[in-house]
Amino acid sequence: MRVAVVVPVSPFESAEIIKNSVKRIKNLDFSNFDFKILYVIDLKDERDERVRILLKMGVDVLKRRHSRGKRAGAINDAIAYLEDFSPDYVAIFDVDSEPNRDFLLKLVEALENDPEAYIASSPRRISNPVNLCTETIEVEYLLINYLLRKSGFKQFNGLIGVLRWDILKRYRIDERYVTEDAEFATRMHSIGYKALYVRDSCVKEQAPLTWKDLFFQRKRWYFGGLQLWNYFSKVKRSRWGFRISWIMSLTLTYFIAFFSPIIAFSPILLCAKFGGKKIKVSLGLLFHVLILQSAAFASINDFLKGRGIEWRPQKRLVE
């Protein structure tokens, strides 16, 4: 069985972050697979040292002298690059992704057992709970993981997970959308495919280190969600469970402040889950709601005025 691993790399990512990424990807259990590891790198300049580092570490490198389509474009270019290899499955990660060693084995097994699924992924965890902002997002991910288990619309951020090659190759990623992961998930669910949530593995990722970074990340997510209403005519003809979950995710989340009274109960819930170690996150949750609500309103304003969205580099914690 052939598996390809694809890691898109923006011009903003440092050499150290990339080195750590390669080490983590190579630590995956490839024992049952014929595999290829591909880094798709948007060059900073013609002498980008990161290319040399990647080649020295023994992975395939696809150099892009442009940033066409951002992450969506990088994935589409990876599809073209992998045509000759023709894998059975494609795993997609970010440069900060830290998958469990058994990630590929568990997720490929799940897809092999369910031919109606186009993707499988696993619970998300935060790898950098180092301050109030990141610890708050760590708690938020508990809710996200719960919703991923229950929702009829399973949308995995960044398409991080394992996808069927034939489906990815056939439908590709629409580069017109800001949130390519949500667009592809909407399109696949509308067609009738399923997404699998595999609970017995895990992938960690870095949360935004500052409230400012969180604001701009979520503003982009909210803006991309507004673009998804282009699919409403297809969604309303889809399965009931998916339809309801999709509509709720694109409406209720834009008015997150309505749920702020729940924060009053957060100290009890945090103590039950973490003991007294995370009690300060109650304050973080208040900041979190305010920032998300501001980001939602800002995205709606920009969308209605026909403005685009600015892609900003996110600060990373270097190990």
Foldseek 3Di string as FASTA:
>chain_A
DEEEEEEEEEQPDDLLLQVVLLVLVVLADCPPHDYAYEYEYEHPDPPRCSVVVVVVSPHHYHYDPDCQLPLLVSVVVVLVVCVVVQGQKYAYDYSFKRWDNCQVVQFVVVCVVPVLAFWEHEQEAAPPPDDLQQVLVRVVSVVVRVCCVVAQQRFDQPSGGMGGSVVCSVPGFDSVALRRRSLVSLVSQLVPGGYHYRYPIYMYGHDFPDLVLVLQVLLSVLLRLVVNCVCVVSLVVGDPRNNVRSVCVNPVQLPLVVVLVCLVCVQVVCCVVPNNPNSVNSVVVVSVSVSSNVSSVVSVVCVVVVHDGDDDDGDDDRD
